[in-house]
């Protein structure tokens, strides 16, 4: 059964992963990546352009299908050995989140009646409904292997 996920990272890091055919979340932790299964769909949300900077992006920046295999560790620099997971990235456009908020189930209304769409994003990786993923994929004009993802 396919599950649908939102991962969170700055756009600069998403581009690196896209070019390398992998994803990395939560500062390289293995545990979140172990929740993913081959065939799951993951979309990246990027709150900022670069890590540690305040230049806003607030967009879905990549979408793809989790490939086979388990999370694996790589040496990036010094003593940093993050875990990654291979992903087959789709052809897709960047899509700002704000126009989608009224249609996304995870962008829930909080107890005071206000929108609290950023709450889930602080976890770094969380699952969403198929409906939410279809909304995101449609906004991104996502195409997998020369076919448009169903709306």
Protein backbone atom coordinates (compact mmCIF):
# COMPACT_ATOMS: atom_id res chain seq x y z
CA UNK A 1 0.00 0.00 0.00
CA UNK A 2 1.47 3.32 -1.08
CA UNK A 3 1.92 5.99 1.58
CA UNK A 4 2.41 9.69 0.96
CA UNK A 5 4.94 11.87 2.74
CA UNK A 6 6.00 15.49 3.10
CA UNK A 7 9.70 16.02 3.84
CA UNK A 8 11.05 19.41 4.89
CA UNK A 9 14.39 20.92 3.86
CA UNK A 10 15.73 24.17 2.48
CA UNK A 11 15.57 24.44 -1.31
CA UNK A 12 19.35 24.35 -1.68
CA UNK A 13 19.50 20.94 0.04
CA UNK A 14 16.55 19.63 -1.99
CA UNK A 15 18.37 20.54 -5.23
CA UNK A 16 21.48 18.62 -4.08
CA UNK A 17 19.37 15.54 -3.30
CA UNK A 18 17.50 15.80 -6.57
CA UNK A 19 20.74 15.95 -8.54
CA UNK A 20 22.09 12.94 -6.62
CA UNK A 21 18.89 10.86 -6.70
CA UNK A 22 18.42 10.76 -2.94
CA UNK A 23 16.61 12.33 0.00
CA UNK A 24 17.87 13.18 3.46
CA UNK A 25 15.78 14.44 6.39
CA UNK A 26 16.05 15.59 10.00
CA UNK A 27 19.75 16.44 9.82
CA UNK A 28 20.64 13.01 8.46
CA UNK A 29 18.83 10.80 10.98
CA UNK A 30 18.10 7.20 9.94
CA UNK A 31 14.90 6.59 11.91
CA UNK A 32 12.57 8.79 9.82
CA UNK A 33 13.85 7.26 6.57
CA UNK A 34 13.11 3.75 7.88
CA UNK A 35 9.40 4.62 7.88
CA UNK A 36 9.44 4.94 4.08
CA UNK A 37 8.84 1.97 1.79
CA UNK A 38 9.64 1.35 -1.84
CA UNK A 39 6.93 2.93 -3.99
CA UNK A 40 5.90 5.58 -1.46
CA UNK A 41 5.57 9.12 -2.81
CA UNK A 42 7.43 11.98 -1.14
CA UNK A 43 7.14 15.71 -1.78
CA UNK A 44 9.60 18.21 -0.37
CA UNK A 45 8.44 21.44 1.20
CA UNK A 46 11.13 24.13 1.44
CA UNK A 47 10.46 26.90 3.97
CA UNK A 48 13.62 28.79 2.96
CA UNK A 49 16.07 29.00 0.08
CA UNK A 50 19.14 28.19 2.24
CA UNK A 51 19.69 26.64 5.65
CA UNK A 52 20.08 29.24 8.38
CA UNK A 53 18.93 32.13 6.22
CA UNK A 54 15.57 33.84 6.33
CA UNK A 55 15.03 34.13 2.56
CA UNK A 56 11.57 32.53 2.26
CA UNK A 57 10.71 29.88 -0.29
CA UNK A 58 7.49 28.43 1.22
CA UNK A 59 6.99 26.07 -1.70
CA UNK A 60 6.82 22.43 -2.64
CA UNK A 61 10.11 22.00 -4.45
CA UNK A 62 10.41 18.36 -5.50
CA UNK A 63 8.35 15.19 -5.69
CA UNK A 64 9.27 11.59 -6.39
CA UNK A 65 8.88 7.90 -5.68
CA UNK A 66 10.98 6.11 -3.05
CA UNK A 67 13.28 3.55 -4.68
CA UNK A 68 14.13 0.10 -3.35
CA UNK A 69 16.77 -0.47 -0.73
CA UNK A 70 17.25 0.64 2.82
CA UNK A 71 18.57 3.93 4.20
CA UNK A 72 22.34 4.12 3.81
CA UNK A 73 25.01 6.22 5.44
CA UNK A 74 27.47 8.49 3.61
CA UNK A 75 30.42 10.60 4.68
CA UNK A 76 29.81 14.24 3.84
CA UNK A 77 32.51 16.07 5.80
CA UNK A 78 34.43 15.93 9.07
CA UNK A 79 32.41 13.72 11.42
CA UNK A 80 29.08 14.10 9.62
CA UNK A 81 27.73 10.77 8.34
CA UNK A 82 24.07 11.33 7.40
CA UNK A 83 21.61 8.69 6.24
CA UNK A 84 19.97 8.91 2.83
CA UNK A 85 17.31 7.11 0.85
CA UNK A 86 17.24 6.77 -2.94
CA UNK A 87 14.36 8.47 -4.76
CA UNK A 88 13.34 8.58 -8.42
CA UNK A 89 12.43 12.26 -8.84
CA UNK A 90 9.59 13.29 -11.13
CA UNK A 91 9.61 16.13 -13.62
CA UNK A 92 7.86 18.88 -11.66
CA UNK A 93 7.62 22.61 -11.14
CA UNK A 94 8.01 24.47 -7.85
CA UNK A 95 4.58 25.24 -6.35
CA UNK A 96 3.99 27.84 -3.61
CA UNK A 97 2.08 26.43 -0.63
CA UNK A 98 -0.16 29.42 0.15
CA UNK A 99 -2.58 28.97 -2.80
CA UNK A 100 -3.03 25.31 -1.74
CA UNK A 101 -3.67 25.79 1.98
CA UNK A 102 -7.47 25.82 1.77
CA UNK A 103 -7.38 22.42 0.01
CA UNK A 104 -4.74 20.61 2.08
CA UNK A 105 -6.07 18.40 4.88
CA UNK A 106 -2.84 18.61 6.88
CA UNK A 107 -3.21 22.42 6.99
CA UNK A 108 -5.71 21.95 9.80
CA UNK A 109 -7.67 24.50 11.75
CA UNK A 110 -6.35 24.75 15.30
CA UNK A 111 -8.39 24.90 18.51
CA UNK A 112 -8.69 28.69 18.39
CA UNK A 113 -10.10 28.54 14.86
CA UNK A 114 -6.94 29.80 13.19
CA UNK A 115 -4.93 28.14 10.45
CA UNK A 116 -1.97 26.22 11.78
CA UNK A 117 -0.50 24.90 8.54
CA UNK A 118 3.11 25.14 9.72
CA UNK A 119 2.65 22.90 12.76
CA UNK A 120 3.24 19.55 11.00
CA UNK A 121 6.23 20.90 9.09
CA UNK A 122 8.37 21.14 12.22
CA UNK A 123 8.61 17.32 12.33
CA UNK A 124 10.74 17.16 9.15
CA UNK A 125 8.88 14.15 7.72
CA UNK A 126 5.21 13.30 8.10
CA UNK A 127 2.59 11.33 6.22
CA UNK A 128 -0.34 12.91 4.42
CA UNK A 129 -3.46 11.70 2.68
CA UNK A 130 -3.51 10.59 -0.93
CA UNK A 131 -5.84 13.54 -1.58
CA UNK A 132 -3.25 16.00 -0.25
CA UNK A 133 -0.51 14.42 -2.37
CA UNK A 134 -2.69 14.59 -5.49
CA UNK A 135 -3.33 18.29 -4.78
CA UNK A 136 0.40 18.92 -4.42
CA UNK A 137 1.34 16.85 -7.48
CA UNK A 138 -1.24 18.66 -9.59
CA UNK A 139 0.02 22.08 -8.46
CA UNK A 140 3.56 20.98 -9.35
CA UNK A 141 2.47 19.61 -12.78
CA UNK A 142 4.30 16.44 -11.74
CA UNK A 143 5.06 13.82 -14.35
CA UNK A 144 6.36 10.34 -13.63
CA UNK A 145 7.99 8.46 -16.51
CA UNK A 146 6.27 10.51 -19.20
CA UNK A 147 2.82 10.42 -17.66
CA UNK A 148 0.98 12.97 -15.58
CA UNK A 149 0.13 11.84 -12.07
CA UNK A 150 -3.62 11.44 -11.58
CA UNK A 151 -5.34 14.54 -10.23
